[in-house]
Amino acid sequence: MKLTIQDPQTLPVIPNSYSVEIKLMAGDADYYESLSVDGFEPGRDDELLEDLLRLLPRLRDFYPSGRGGSWSYSLTRVPGFEPWFIGDDREAFGGEESEERSEDYPRFSFESEDQKRELLELHGRISEFYDRVYERAQSLGLSRTFYAPEWPSDATTNYEIECDYSSHEVFYYDEHSVKRPVKVEL
């Protein structure tokens, strides 16, 4: 047997940043998908990182027994889901359109006007975060696109509902882009 070490594969990552890798399940574990939210700068993005890490378990808790064959299942009903996982629909939140969007937004009911205002402010901060991450990636010459990830749809349901949240891990990429696991205590 002959083993030849090939050129190393380097992933296009933003150094000195945290990344959240999310594992998703489709159907009855028919297949798994994954996505990541990258580019959290230590000290600058700590509140946003904490918000995301607190949101993820709520996605599981929203349907604690699974969707049970229900087609009305939608993670968009979980407050805070959409600003993190809107994909390329970046104009839906933040900027001038946020107030206009807020009028048609109630896919879920707000407990108060304060809760609605807080969620819209969060949308704006997350949108600014994604803009910053994209600009930072471009300045580093990274070819990978760092936009807001879009939560995948479940192919076993003809793409009518989202995949289920399964788990997540947090990693830190150091100045040499070495990936290091992070233990999180909320």
C-alpha atoms as a PDB file:
ATOM      1  CA  MET A   1       0.000   0.000   0.000  1.00  0.00           C
ATOM      2  CA  LYS A   2       1.192   3.463  -0.815  1.00  0.00           C
ATOM      3  CA  LEU A   3      -0.102   6.520   1.054  1.00  0.00           C
ATOM      4  CA  THR A   4       0.513   9.959  -0.399  1.00  0.00           C
ATOM      5  CA  ILE A   5      -0.289  13.048   1.608  1.00  0.00           C
ATOM      6  CA  GLN A   6      -2.087  15.534  -0.598  1.00  0.00           C
ATOM      7  CA  ASP A   7      -2.100  19.307  -0.406  1.00  0.00           C
ATOM      8  CA  PRO A   8      -3.970  20.481   2.678  1.00  0.00           C
ATOM      9  CA  GLN A   9      -7.529  21.651   2.270  1.00  0.00           C
ATOM     10  CA  THR A  10      -8.117  25.004   3.804  1.00  0.00           C
ATOM     11  CA  LEU A  11     -11.618  26.097   4.557  1.00  0.00           C
ATOM     12  CA  PRO A  12     -12.526  29.703   3.885  1.00  0.00           C
ATOM     13  CA  VAL A  13     -13.087  30.892   7.431  1.00  0.00           C
ATOM     14  CA  ILE A  14     -12.801  34.200   9.197  1.00  0.00           C
ATOM     15  CA  PRO A  15      -9.908  34.013  11.677  1.00  0.00           C
ATOM     16  CA  ASN A  16     -10.323  35.102  15.303  1.00  0.00           C
ATOM     17  CA  SER A  17     -14.043  34.390  15.277  1.00  0.00           C
ATOM     18  CA  TYR A  18     -16.662  31.999  16.595  1.00  0.00           C
ATOM     19  CA  SER A  19     -18.784  29.758  14.400  1.00  0.00           C
ATOM     20  CA  VAL A  20     -21.995  27.936  15.308  1.00  0.00           C
ATOM     21  CA  GLU A  21     -22.490  24.695  13.382  1.00  0.00           C
ATOM     22  CA  ILE A  22     -26.091  23.506  13.414  1.00  0.00           C
ATOM     23  CA  LYS A  23     -27.223  19.955  12.666  1.00  0.00           C
ATOM     24  CA  LEU A  24     -30.726  19.486  11.237  1.00  0.00           C
ATOM     25  CA  MET A  25     -32.855  16.378  10.768  1.00  0.00           C
ATOM     26  CA  ALA A  26     -35.304  15.707   7.958  1.00  0.00           C
ATOM     27  CA  GLY A  27     -38.238  13.329   8.162  1.00  0.00           C
ATOM     28  CA  ASP A  28     -37.821  10.542  10.699  1.00  0.00           C
ATOM     29  CA  ALA A  29     -34.031  10.839  10.511  1.00  0.00           C
ATOM     30  CA  ASP A  30     -34.175  10.036   6.789  1.00  0.00           C
ATOM     31  CA  TYR A  31     -31.231  12.346   6.292  1.00  0.00           C
ATOM     32  CA  TYR A  32     -29.369  15.169   8.023  1.00  0.00           C
ATOM     33  CA  GLU A  33     -28.373  18.628   6.873  1.00  0.00           C
ATOM     34  CA  SER A  34     -26.119  21.221   8.432  1.00  0.00           C
ATOM     35  CA  LEU A  35     -25.569  24.928   8.281  1.00  0.00           C
ATOM     36  CA  SER A  36     -23.356  27.380  10.090  1.00  0.00           C
ATOM     37  CA  VAL A  37     -23.457  30.951  11.278  1.00  0.00           C
ATOM     38  CA  ASP A  38     -19.917  32.318  11.150  1.00  0.00           C
ATOM     39  CA  GLY A  39     -17.899  35.408  11.951  1.00  0.00           C
ATOM     40  CA  PHE A  40     -18.782  36.265  15.561  1.00  0.00           C
ATOM     41  CA  GLU A  41     -15.993  38.550  16.798  1.00  0.00           C
ATOM     42  CA  PRO A  42     -15.066  38.030  20.471  1.00  0.00           C
ATOM     43  CA  GLY A  43     -16.009  41.050  22.574  1.00  0.00           C
ATOM     44  CA  ARG A  44     -17.984  42.670  19.754  1.00  0.00           C
ATOM     45  CA  ASP A  45     -20.644  40.068  18.942  1.00  0.00           C
ATOM     46  CA  ASP A  46     -21.033  38.336  22.312  1.00  0.00           C
ATOM     47  CA  GLU A  47     -24.668  39.420  22.800  1.00  0.00           C
ATOM     48  CA  LEU A  48     -25.676  38.256  19.335  1.00  0.00           C
ATOM     49  CA  LEU A  49     -23.872  34.945  19.804  1.00  0.00           C
ATOM     50  CA  GLU A  50     -25.688  34.446  23.105  1.00  0.00           C
ATOM     51  CA  ASP A  51     -29.014  35.283  21.445  1.00  0.00           C
ATOM     52  CA  LEU A  52     -28.444  32.644  18.774  1.00  0.00           C
ATOM     53  CA  LEU A  53     -27.315  30.047  21.325  1.00  0.00           C
ATOM     54  CA  ARG A  54     -30.449  30.687  23.414  1.00  0.00           C
ATOM     55  CA  LEU A  55     -32.689  30.515  20.317  1.00  0.00           C
ATOM     56  CA  LEU A  56     -31.530  27.099  19.108  1.00  0.00           C
ATOM     57  CA  PRO A  57     -32.890  25.012  22.033  1.00  0.00           C
ATOM     58  CA  ARG A  58     -36.201  26.920  21.732  1.00  0.00           C
ATOM     59  CA  LEU A  59     -36.528  25.552  18.202  1.00  0.00           C
ATOM     60  CA  ARG A  60     -36.571  22.038  19.646  1.00  0.00           C
ATOM     61  CA  ASP A  61     -38.778  23.030  22.587  1.00  0.00           C
ATOM     62  CA  PHE A  62     -41.368  24.671  20.326  1.00  0.00           C
ATOM     63  CA  TYR A  63     -42.393  21.207  19.098  1.00  0.00           C
ATOM     64  CA  PRO A  64     -41.191  18.978  21.972  1.00  0.00           C
ATOM     65  CA  SER A  65     -42.879  15.861  20.551  1.00  0.00           C
ATOM     66  CA  GLY A  66     -41.946  16.578  16.959  1.00  0.00           C
ATOM     67  CA  ARG A  67     -44.425  17.753  14.384  1.00  0.00           C
ATOM     68  CA  GLY A  68     -46.437  14.517  14.526  1.00  0.00           C
ATOM     69  CA  GLY A  69     -47.400  14.671  10.854  1.00  0.00           C
ATOM     70  CA  SER A  70     -48.646  18.245  11.171  1.00  0.00           C
ATOM     71  CA  TRP A  71     -48.273  20.389   8.081  1.00  0.00           C
ATOM     72  CA  SER A  72     -48.810  23.533  10.153  1.00  0.00           C
ATOM     73  CA  TYR A  73     -45.347  23.038  11.644  1.00  0.00           C
ATOM     74  CA  SER A  74     -43.191  26.066  11.008  1.00  0.00           C
ATOM     75  CA  LEU A  75     -40.166  27.352  12.859  1.00  0.00           C
ATOM     76  CA  THR A  76     -41.022  30.829  11.589  1.00  0.00           C
ATOM     77  CA  ARG A  77     -43.537  30.910  14.458  1.00  0.00           C
ATOM     78  CA  VAL A  78     -40.680  30.942  16.955  1.00  0.00           C
ATOM     79  CA  PRO A  79     -39.845  34.568  17.827  1.00  0.00           C
ATOM     80  CA  GLY A  80     -36.296  35.319  16.722  1.00  0.00           C
ATOM     81  CA  PHE A  81     -36.020  32.544  14.107  1.00  0.00           C
ATOM     82  CA  GLU A  82     -36.456  34.608  10.956  1.00  0.00           C
ATOM     83  CA  PRO A  83     -33.768  37.265  11.434  1.00  0.00           C
ATOM     84  CA  TRP A  84     -31.119  34.552  11.820  1.00  0.00           C
ATOM     85  CA  PHE A  85     -32.231  32.266   9.011  1.00  0.00           C
ATOM     86  CA  ILE A  86     -33.804  34.415   6.297  1.00  0.00           C
ATOM     87  CA  GLY A  87     -31.272  33.492   3.632  1.00  0.00           C
ATOM     88  CA  ASP A  88     -30.998  36.101   0.890  1.00  0.00           C
ATOM     89  CA  ASP A  89     -34.185  37.911   1.948  1.00  0.00           C
ATOM     90  CA  ARG A  90     -32.081  40.509   3.739  1.00  0.00           C
ATOM     91  CA  GLU A  91     -34.433  43.422   3.017  1.00  0.00           C
ATOM     92  CA  ALA A  92     -37.224  41.790   5.021  1.00  0.00           C
ATOM     93  CA  PHE A  93     -35.645  42.978   8.277  1.00  0.00           C
ATOM     94  CA  GLY A  94     -33.726  46.041   9.324  1.00  0.00           C
ATOM     95  CA  GLY A  95     -33.291  49.316   7.532  1.00  0.00           C
ATOM     96  CA  GLU A  96     -36.176  51.375   6.202  1.00  0.00           C
ATOM     97  CA  GLU A  97     -38.416  48.418   5.459  1.00  0.00           C
ATOM     98  CA  SER A  98     -38.481  47.016   9.007  1.00  0.00           C
ATOM     99  CA  GLU A  99     -41.434  49.163  10.145  1.00  0.00           C
ATOM    100  CA  GLU A 100     -43.378  48.336   6.992  1.00  0.00           C
ATOM    101  CA  ARG A 101     -42.552  44.639   7.412  1.00  0.00           C
ATOM    102  CA  SER A 102     -43.549  44.721  11.085  1.00  0.00           C
ATOM    103  CA  GLU A 103     -47.141  45.520  10.174  1.00  0.00           C
ATOM    104  CA  ASP A 104     -47.544  42.221   8.261  1.00  0.00           C
ATOM    105  CA  TYR A 105     -45.180  40.306  10.486  1.00  0.00           C
ATOM    106  CA  PRO A 106     -47.335  38.649  13.143  1.00  0.00           C
ATOM    107  CA  ARG A 107     -46.957  35.004  12.169  1.00  0.00           C
ATOM    108  CA  PHE A 108     -47.016  34.683  15.925  1.00  0.00           C
ATOM    109  CA  SER A 109     -48.633  37.000  18.420  1.00  0.00           C
ATOM    110  CA  PHE A 110     -46.559  39.448  20.395  1.00  0.00           C
ATOM    111  CA  GLU A 111     -47.167  39.626  24.119  1.00  0.00           C
ATOM    112  CA  SER A 112     -46.703  43.388  24.031  1.00  0.00           C
ATOM    113  CA  GLU A 113     -45.594  46.292  21.883  1.00  0.00           C
ATOM    114  CA  ASP A 114     -42.294  46.186  23.798  1.00  0.00           C
ATOM    115  CA  GLN A 115     -41.706  42.580  22.692  1.00  0.00           C
ATOM    116  CA  LYS A 116     -42.482  43.542  19.092  1.00  0.00           C
ATOM    117  CA  ARG A 117     -40.100  46.533  19.272  1.00  0.00           C
ATOM    118  CA  GLU A 118     -37.336  44.381  20.818  1.00  0.00           C
ATOM    119  CA  LEU A 119     -37.665  41.785  18.069  1.00  0.00           C
ATOM    120  CA  LEU A 120     -37.493  44.438  15.344  1.00  0.00           C
ATOM    121  CA  GLU A 121     -34.387  45.929  16.981  1.00  0.00           C
ATOM    122  CA  LEU A 122     -32.844  42.455  17.068  1.00  0.00           C
ATOM    123  CA  HIS A 123     -33.597  42.072  13.342  1.00  0.00           C
ATOM    124  CA  GLY A 124     -31.696  45.283  12.674  1.00  0.00           C
ATOM    125  CA  ARG A 125     -28.675  44.229  14.766  1.00  0.00           C
ATOM    126  CA  ILE A 126     -28.536  40.805  13.087  1.00  0.00           C
ATOM    127  CA  SER A 127     -28.768  42.389   9.647  1.00  0.00           C
ATOM    128  CA  GLU A 128     -25.867  44.721  10.529  1.00  0.00           C
ATOM    129  CA  PHE A 129     -23.915  41.697  11.825  1.00  0.00           C
ATOM    130  CA  TYR A 130     -24.348  39.815   8.541  1.00  0.00           C
ATOM    131  CA  ASP A 131     -23.312  42.924   6.585  1.00  0.00           C
ATOM    132  CA  ARG A 132     -20.147  43.240   8.710  1.00  0.00           C
ATOM    133  CA  VAL A 133     -19.289  39.541   8.344  1.00  0.00           C
ATOM    134  CA  TYR A 134     -19.744  39.738   4.586  1.00  0.00           C
ATOM    135  CA  GLU A 135     -17.536  42.844   4.326  1.00  0.00           C
ATOM    136  CA  ARG A 136     -14.875  41.265   6.548  1.00  0.00           C
ATOM    137  CA  ALA A 137     -14.860  38.084   4.441  1.00  0.00           C
ATOM    138  CA  GLN A 138     -14.514  40.125   1.261  1.00  0.00           C
ATOM    139  CA  SER A 139     -11.627  42.137   2.734  1.00  0.00           C
ATOM    140  CA  LEU A 140      -9.846  38.856   3.544  1.00  0.00           C
ATOM    141  CA  GLY A 141     -10.323  37.666  -0.031  1.00  0.00           C
ATOM    142  CA  LEU A 142     -12.541  34.760   0.978  1.00  0.00           C
ATOM    143  CA  SER A 143     -14.512  33.455  -1.956  1.00  0.00           C
ATOM    144  CA  ARG A 144     -17.165  31.791   0.192  1.00  0.00           C
ATOM    145  CA  THR A 145     -20.339  33.809   0.575  1.00  0.00           C
ATOM    146  CA  PHE A 146     -21.051  34.869   4.150  1.00  0.00           C
ATOM    147  CA  TYR A 147     -24.708  35.827   3.946  1.00  0.00           C
ATOM    148  CA  ALA A 148     -27.449  34.936   6.369  1.00  0.00           C
ATOM    149  CA  PRO A 149     -27.940  31.185   6.030  1.00  0.00           C
ATOM    150  CA  GLU A 150     -31.281  29.886   4.875  1.00  0.00           C
ATOM    151  CA  TRP A 151     -32.772  27.118   7.021  1.00  0.00           C
ATOM    152  CA  PRO A 152     -33.286  24.132   4.683  1.00  0.00           C
ATOM    153  CA  SER A 153     -36.678  22.680   3.872  1.00  0.00           C
ATOM    154  CA  ASP A 154     -37.436  19.016   4.449  1.00  0.00           C
ATOM    155  CA  ALA A 155     -37.430  17.067   1.164  1.00  0.00           C
ATOM    156  CA  THR A 156     -39.509  14.282   2.764  1.00  0.00           C
ATOM    157  CA  THR A 157     -42.423  16.760   2.965  1.00  0.00           C
ATOM    158  CA  ASN A 158     -42.052  18.045  -0.601  1.00  0.00           C
ATOM    159  CA  TYR A 159     -40.165  21.022   0.838  1.00  0.00           C
ATOM    160  CA  GLU A 160     -43.295  22.387   2.528  1.00  0.00           C
ATOM    161  CA  ILE A 161     -41.826  22.639   6.041  1.00  0.00           C
ATOM    162  CA  GLU A 162     -38.414  23.212   7.567  1.00  0.00           C
ATOM    163  CA  CYS A 163     -35.988  20.551   8.734  1.00  0.00           C
ATOM    164  CA  ASP A 164     -36.005  19.936  12.481  1.00  0.00           C
ATOM    165  CA  TYR A 165     -33.293  21.343  14.728  1.00  0.00           C
ATOM    166  CA  SER A 166     -31.154  18.480  16.054  1.00  0.00           C
ATOM    167  CA  SER A 167     -28.079  19.938  17.777  1.00  0.00           C
ATOM    168  CA  HIS A 168     -25.326  22.526  17.536  1.00  0.00           C
ATOM    169  CA  GLU A 169     -21.668  23.029  18.367  1.00  0.00           C
ATOM    170  CA  VAL A 170     -19.616  26.182  18.782  1.00  0.00           C
ATOM    171  CA  PHE A 171     -16.075  26.509  17.440  1.00  0.00           C
ATOM    172  CA  TYR A 172     -13.419  29.198  17.555  1.00  0.00           C
ATOM    173  CA  TYR A 173     -11.115  29.807  14.603  1.00  0.00           C
ATOM    174  CA  ASP A 174      -7.834  31.262  15.830  1.00  0.00           C
ATOM    175  CA  GLU A 175      -5.508  33.631  13.945  1.00  0.00           C
ATOM    176  CA  HIS A 176      -4.225  30.675  11.882  1.00  0.00           C
ATOM    177  CA  SER A 177      -7.790  29.505  11.129  1.00  0.00           C
ATOM    178  CA  VAL A 178      -7.303  26.444  13.334  1.00  0.00           C
ATOM    179  CA  LYS A 179     -10.702  25.174  14.439  1.00  0.00           C
ATOM    180  CA  ARG A 180     -11.092  24.733  18.204  1.00  0.00           C
ATOM    181  CA  PRO A 181     -14.167  23.383  20.029  1.00  0.00           C
ATOM    182  CA  VAL A 182     -15.765  25.756  22.546  1.00  0.00           C
ATOM    183  CA  LYS A 183     -17.537  24.742  25.747  1.00  0.00           C
ATOM    184  CA  VAL A 184     -20.561  27.004  26.279  1.00  0.00           C
ATOM    185  CA  GLU A 185     -22.149  27.787  29.636  1.00  0.00           C
ATOM    186  CA  LEU A 186     -25.248  29.999  29.344  1.00  0.00           C
END
